[in-house]
N, C-alpha and C. Protein backbone atom coordinates (compact mmCIF):
# COMPACT_ATOMS: atom_id res chain seq x y z
N ALA A 1 0.66 -1.22 0.47
CA ALA A 1 0.08 0.05 0.09
C ALA A 1 0.87 1.30 -0.10
N PRO A 2 0.79 2.45 -0.88
CA PRO A 2 1.39 3.38 -0.71
C PRO A 2 1.19 3.92 0.78
N LYS A 3 2.42 4.50 0.99
CA LYS A 3 2.73 5.28 2.14
C LYS A 3 2.77 7.04 1.94
N GLN A 4 2.02 7.40 2.84
CA GLN A 4 1.60 8.90 3.03
C GLN A 4 1.64 9.40 1.55
N ASP A 5 0.55 9.44 0.82
CA ASP A 5 0.83 10.20 -0.05
C ASP A 5 1.07 11.98 0.12
N GLY A 6 1.16 12.58 -0.67
CA GLY A 6 1.35 14.26 -0.66
C GLY A 6 2.19 14.33 0.79
N LEU A 7 2.87 13.78 1.63
CA LEU A 7 3.78 14.36 2.64
C LEU A 7 4.46 15.02 2.19
N LYS A 8 4.52 16.31 3.26
CA LYS A 8 5.66 17.17 2.95
C LYS A 8 6.31 17.51 4.04
N VAL A 9 7.73 17.48 3.78
CA VAL A 9 9.16 17.32 5.19
C VAL A 9 9.75 18.89 5.04
N ASN A 10 9.89 19.41 5.77
CA ASN A 10 10.67 20.82 5.44
C ASN A 10 12.14 20.82 6.31
N LEU A 11 13.17 20.19 6.00
CA LEU A 11 14.52 20.12 6.80
C LEU A 11 15.47 20.82 6.58
N GLN A 12 14.91 22.48 5.56
CA GLN A 12 15.68 23.26 5.21
C GLN A 12 16.52 23.90 6.44
N SER A 13 17.60 24.30 6.48
CA SER A 13 18.89 25.06 7.46
C SER A 13 18.33 24.00 8.54
N ASN A 14 19.04 22.59 8.64
CA ASN A 14 19.19 21.94 10.11
C ASN A 14 20.77 21.25 10.21
N ASP A 15 21.73 22.17 9.30
CA ASP A 15 23.19 21.37 9.46
C ASP A 15 23.06 19.82 9.09
N LEU A 16 21.76 19.53 8.30
CA LEU A 16 22.22 18.08 8.30
C LEU A 16 23.54 17.81 7.20
N THR A 17 24.27 16.41 7.43
CA THR A 17 25.16 15.98 7.07
C THR A 17 25.12 14.72 6.21
N GLY A 18 26.44 14.22 5.62
CA GLY A 18 26.37 13.15 4.25
C GLY A 18 25.07 12.69 3.18
N GLU A 19 24.84 11.84 3.22
CA GLU A 19 23.87 11.15 2.13
C GLU A 19 22.62 11.24 2.53
N VAL A 20 21.52 12.01 1.41
CA VAL A 20 20.25 11.99 2.11
C VAL A 20 19.67 10.28 1.94
N PRO A 21 19.35 9.58 2.94
CA PRO A 21 19.16 8.24 2.71
C PRO A 21 18.15 7.89 1.93
N ALA A 22 18.51 6.49 1.47
CA ALA A 22 18.05 5.53 0.79
C ALA A 22 16.57 5.00 1.35
N ASP A 23 16.68 5.09 2.72
CA ASP A 23 15.51 4.60 3.18
C ASP A 23 14.02 5.07 3.31
N LEU A 24 13.97 6.68 2.44
CA LEU A 24 13.08 7.44 2.60
C LEU A 24 12.39 6.71 1.28
N LYS A 25 12.88 6.06 0.36
CA LYS A 25 12.04 5.44 -0.85
C LYS A 25 11.00 4.85 -0.81
N GLU A 26 10.33 4.50 0.86
CA GLU A 26 9.67 3.94 0.91
C GLU A 26 8.55 4.88 0.56
N PHE A 27 8.64 6.06 0.66
CA PHE A 27 7.16 7.26 0.39
C PHE A 27 7.18 6.82 -1.16
N ASP A 28 5.84 7.06 -1.38
CA ASP A 28 5.72 6.90 -3.14
C ASP A 28 5.25 8.56 -3.52
N ARG A 29 4.79 9.39 -2.61
CA ARG A 29 4.55 10.68 -2.95
C ARG A 29 5.48 11.37 -1.49
N LEU A 30 6.33 12.40 -2.21
CA LEU A 30 6.83 13.31 -1.05
C LEU A 30 7.54 14.30 -1.65
N ASN A 31 7.31 15.37 -0.98
CA ASN A 31 7.86 16.69 -0.70
C ASN A 31 9.00 17.33 -0.09
N LEU A 32 10.46 17.01 -0.28
CA LEU A 32 11.14 16.76 0.82
C LEU A 32 12.10 18.19 0.66
N TYR A 33 12.28 19.29 1.49
CA TYR A 33 12.55 20.12 1.01
C TYR A 33 13.88 20.46 1.98
N LEU A 34 15.53 20.32 1.35
CA LEU A 34 16.66 20.22 2.09
C LEU A 34 17.82 20.93 2.14
N VAL A 35 17.04 22.08 1.31
CA VAL A 35 18.56 23.30 0.79
C VAL A 35 18.56 23.75 2.31
N GLY A 36 19.91 24.19 2.39
CA GLY A 36 20.67 24.66 3.37
C GLY A 36 21.51 23.75 4.89
N ASN A 37 21.45 22.88 3.87
CA ASN A 37 22.35 21.43 4.84
C ASN A 37 23.92 21.18 4.24
N LYS A 38 24.18 20.13 4.46
CA LYS A 38 25.78 19.85 3.94
C LYS A 38 25.62 18.82 3.43
N PHE A 39 24.79 18.00 2.69
CA PHE A 39 24.35 16.82 2.21
C PHE A 39 24.91 17.29 0.91
N THR A 40 26.26 15.39 0.83
CA THR A 40 27.43 15.54 -0.29
C THR A 40 26.47 14.32 -1.36
N SER A 41 25.10 13.90 -1.34
CA SER A 41 24.93 12.62 -2.26
C SER A 41 23.68 12.43 -1.76
N VAL A 42 22.95 12.11 -2.71
CA VAL A 42 21.52 11.89 -2.31
C VAL A 42 21.76 10.29 -3.09
N ALA A 43 20.87 8.98 -2.43
CA ALA A 43 20.98 7.97 -2.47
C ALA A 43 20.25 7.68 -3.78
N SER A 44 20.99 6.85 -4.86
CA SER A 44 20.12 6.82 -6.32
C SER A 44 18.97 6.13 -6.23
N ASP A 45 18.53 5.37 -4.94
CA ASP A 45 16.97 4.89 -5.33
C ASP A 45 16.22 6.48 -5.51
N LEU A 46 16.74 6.98 -4.15
CA LEU A 46 15.63 8.07 -4.59
C LEU A 46 15.30 9.31 -5.60
N CYS A 47 16.17 9.03 -6.71
CA CYS A 47 16.55 9.39 -8.27
C CYS A 47 15.05 9.22 -8.87
N THR A 48 14.85 8.27 -8.94
CA THR A 48 14.06 7.63 -9.61
C THR A 48 12.25 7.63 -9.14
N ARG A 49 12.45 8.28 -7.88
CA ARG A 49 10.86 7.96 -7.19
C ARG A 49 9.87 9.37 -8.06
N ALA A 50 9.26 8.77 -9.60
CA ALA A 50 8.46 10.03 -10.34
C ALA A 50 7.69 10.82 -9.63
N HIS A 51 6.81 10.55 -8.60
CA HIS A 51 5.78 11.46 -7.57
C HIS A 51 6.57 12.22 -6.71
N TRP A 52 7.54 12.53 -6.57
CA TRP A 52 8.65 13.26 -5.32
C TRP A 52 8.76 14.87 -6.25
N MET A 53 8.35 15.82 -4.90
CA MET A 53 8.48 17.05 -5.30
C MET A 53 7.42 17.34 -6.43
N ASP A 54 6.50 16.88 -6.18
CA ASP A 54 5.31 17.51 -7.36
C ASP A 54 5.44 16.91 -8.58
N GLY A 55 5.98 15.95 -8.28
CA GLY A 55 6.26 15.41 -9.91
C GLY A 55 7.65 15.60 -10.67
N ASP A 56 8.91 16.59 -9.92
CA ASP A 56 9.92 17.09 -10.46
C ASP A 56 10.86 15.95 -10.97
N VAL A 57 10.65 15.40 -9.87
CA VAL A 57 12.03 13.96 -9.77
C VAL A 57 11.46 13.02 -10.83
N ALA A 58 10.43 12.99 -11.56
CA ALA A 58 10.13 12.43 -13.13
C ALA A 58 11.01 13.14 -14.04
N ALA A 59 11.10 14.30 -14.19
CA ALA A 59 12.01 14.87 -15.54
C ALA A 59 13.38 15.46 -14.94
N GLY A 60 13.38 15.79 -13.39
CA GLY A 60 14.79 16.02 -13.48
C GLY A 60 15.78 15.35 -12.80
N GLY A 61 15.46 13.91 -11.88
CA GLY A 61 16.23 13.29 -11.14
C GLY A 61 16.64 13.60 -10.15
N CYS A 62 17.63 13.25 -9.71
CA CYS A 62 18.24 13.67 -8.19
C CYS A 62 18.43 15.68 -8.57
N ASP A 63 18.70 15.92 -9.63
CA ASP A 63 18.50 17.27 -9.41
C ASP A 63 17.31 17.73 -9.00
N ALA A 64 16.02 17.26 -8.67
CA ALA A 64 14.86 18.06 -8.62
C ALA A 64 14.75 17.91 -6.87
N ILE A 65 16.00 16.87 -6.34
CA ILE A 65 16.19 17.04 -4.94
C ILE A 65 16.52 17.79 -4.52
N LEU A 66 18.11 18.02 -5.11
CA LEU A 66 19.07 18.87 -4.34
C LEU A 66 20.05 19.21 -6.09
N CYS A 67 20.32 20.19 -6.37
CA CYS A 67 21.20 20.62 -6.93
C CYS A 67 22.50 20.00 -6.65
N PRO A 68 23.18 19.56 -8.02
CA PRO A 68 24.69 19.06 -7.91
C PRO A 68 25.82 19.99 -7.31
N VAL A 69 26.55 19.54 -6.90
CA VAL A 69 27.91 20.23 -6.57
C VAL A 69 28.58 20.69 -7.81
N GLY A 70 28.79 22.48 -7.55
CA GLY A 70 28.73 22.68 -8.53
C GLY A 70 28.12 24.01 -9.57
N THR A 71 26.59 23.45 -9.02
CA THR A 71 25.55 24.00 -9.68
C THR A 71 24.53 24.47 -8.62
N ALA A 72 23.92 25.72 -9.19
CA ALA A 72 22.76 26.30 -8.23
C ALA A 72 21.39 26.46 -8.64
N SER A 73 20.46 26.91 -7.93
CA SER A 73 19.40 27.50 -8.46
C SER A 73 18.70 28.32 -7.52
N ASP A 74 17.66 29.01 -7.72
CA ASP A 74 17.06 29.90 -6.96
C ASP A 74 16.89 28.94 -5.97
N LEU A 75 16.10 27.65 -5.70
CA LEU A 75 15.51 26.90 -4.61
C LEU A 75 16.34 25.71 -4.33
N GLY A 76 18.12 25.87 -4.94
CA GLY A 76 18.83 24.80 -4.61
C GLY A 76 18.31 23.30 -5.01
N ARG A 77 17.46 23.28 -6.08
CA ARG A 77 17.04 22.36 -6.57
C ARG A 77 16.21 22.62 -7.97
N ALA A 78 16.13 21.84 -8.88
CA ALA A 78 15.49 21.99 -10.48
C ALA A 78 14.38 21.67 -10.39
N THR A 79 13.12 22.16 -10.89
CA THR A 79 12.06 22.25 -10.97
C THR A 79 11.55 22.91 -12.15
N ALA A 80 10.37 22.18 -12.53
CA ALA A 80 9.81 22.36 -13.68
C ALA A 80 9.68 23.79 -14.26
N GLU A 81 8.73 24.79 -13.27
CA GLU A 81 8.67 25.78 -12.49
C GLU A 81 9.85 26.77 -13.36
N ASP A 82 10.70 26.57 -12.36
CA ASP A 82 11.72 27.45 -12.12
C ASP A 82 12.86 27.20 -13.06
N GLY A 83 12.96 26.07 -13.43
CA GLY A 83 13.98 25.18 -14.68
C GLY A 83 15.25 24.77 -13.71
N ALA A 84 16.20 24.41 -14.22
CA ALA A 84 17.21 23.67 -14.02
C ALA A 84 18.20 24.27 -12.97
N CYS A 85 19.03 23.50 -12.61
CA CYS A 85 20.42 23.79 -12.07
C CYS A 85 21.32 24.42 -12.81
N VAL A 86 21.66 25.23 -12.78
CA VAL A 86 22.87 25.89 -14.18
C VAL A 86 24.18 25.89 -13.04
N PRO A 87 25.19 25.30 -14.07
CA PRO A 87 26.57 25.23 -13.64
C PRO A 87 26.94 26.62 -13.11
N CYS A 88 27.89 26.48 -11.99
CA CYS A 88 28.17 27.78 -11.88
C CYS A 88 30.11 28.25 -12.29
N ALA A 89 30.63 29.17 -12.33
CA ALA A 89 31.66 29.35 -12.71
C ALA A 89 32.77 29.00 -11.97
N SER A 90 32.93 29.28 -10.57
CA SER A 90 33.51 28.74 -9.68
C SER A 90 32.84 28.67 -8.69
N SER A 91 32.63 27.74 -7.93
CA SER A 91 32.08 27.52 -6.35
C SER A 91 32.79 26.54 -5.58
N SER A 92 32.68 26.90 -4.16
CA SER A 92 33.57 26.35 -3.58
C SER A 92 33.33 25.72 -2.40
N SER A 93 31.63 25.61 -2.67
CA SER A 93 31.05 24.58 -1.89
C SER A 93 31.19 23.40 -2.37
N PRO A 94 31.50 22.59 -1.27
CA PRO A 94 31.44 21.05 -1.45
C PRO A 94 30.31 20.29 -1.20
N TYR A 95 29.05 21.02 -1.12
CA TYR A 95 27.72 20.65 -0.37
C TYR A 95 26.72 20.62 -2.01
N LEU A 96 25.25 20.10 -1.82
CA LEU A 96 24.12 19.82 -2.66
C LEU A 96 23.54 20.72 -2.35
N GLY A 97 22.79 21.41 -3.48
CA GLY A 97 21.73 22.37 -3.16
C GLY A 97 22.06 23.93 -2.79
N GLN A 98 22.91 24.12 -3.34
CA GLN A 98 23.20 25.47 -3.51
C GLN A 98 22.42 26.84 -4.41
N THR A 99 22.13 27.85 -3.51
CA THR A 99 21.05 28.71 -4.04
C THR A 99 21.51 30.02 -4.65
N ASP A 100 22.83 30.09 -4.61
CA ASP A 100 23.77 30.66 -5.46
C ASP A 100 24.92 30.39 -5.90
N CYS A 101 25.77 30.95 -6.76
CA CYS A 101 27.33 30.32 -7.18
C CYS A 101 27.86 31.02 -6.39
N ALA A 102 27.88 31.92 -5.00
CA ALA A 102 28.88 32.54 -3.89
C ALA A 102 28.86 31.50 -2.97
N GLY A 103 28.41 30.36 -2.44
CA GLY A 103 28.18 29.73 -1.57
C GLY A 103 30.04 29.25 -1.28
N GLY A 104 30.03 29.06 -0.18
CA GLY A 104 31.37 28.75 0.55
C GLY A 104 31.54 27.71 0.94
N ALA A 105 32.90 27.13 1.61
CA ALA A 105 33.43 25.81 2.14
C ALA A 105 32.15 25.46 2.89
N ASP A 106 31.65 26.41 4.20
CA ASP A 106 30.47 26.12 4.49
C ASP A 106 28.86 25.82 4.87
N GLY A 107 28.94 26.01 2.95
CA GLY A 107 27.76 25.95 2.08
C GLY A 107 26.63 27.20 2.60
N ILE A 108 27.07 28.12 3.44
CA ILE A 108 26.56 29.45 3.37
C ILE A 108 26.53 30.67 2.08
N THR A 109 25.49 30.80 1.52
CA THR A 109 25.87 31.51 0.41
C THR A 109 25.74 33.46 1.06
N THR A 110 25.97 33.86 -0.03
CA THR A 110 26.37 34.94 0.07
C THR A 110 25.24 35.74 1.05
N ASP A 111 23.43 35.65 0.37
CA ASP A 111 22.21 35.98 0.65
C ASP A 111 22.20 35.79 2.22
N GLN A 112 22.36 34.32 2.34
CA GLN A 112 22.20 33.81 3.87
C GLN A 112 23.52 34.86 5.23
N ALA A 113 24.60 34.61 4.56
CA ALA A 113 25.47 35.59 4.94
C ALA A 113 25.25 36.80 5.30
N THR A 114 24.59 37.83 4.96
CA THR A 114 24.31 38.86 4.79
C THR A 114 22.95 39.15 6.06
N ILE A 115 21.76 38.00 5.59
CA ILE A 115 21.19 37.96 6.88
C ILE A 115 21.31 38.12 8.06
N LEU A 116 22.58 36.96 8.42
CA LEU A 116 22.84 36.79 9.62
C LEU A 116 23.89 37.78 10.14
């Protein structure tokens, strides 16, 4: 039976690290907001969950969960509405899900640093 259709989980800016875990594949429909953390990978099983992120994963794969290292988008992930993750000319951040290309090694973007 499907688990929790339409579940939304906001874990933004929680200093989470490592890999987005494969155990989450148990959910058929999930919107998982992870930008602002220190993830270094997304379990490949999650990148085929077609109904995740309001269907964006069907078209964008892992990029619809978090932008890859060396890329950025306004939301930190690719969406059908807002577009793809775009390559950064130079980005020193080793983390996924950057919202701009000015992210430093700590994963904090220029906009976040200004607010803080």
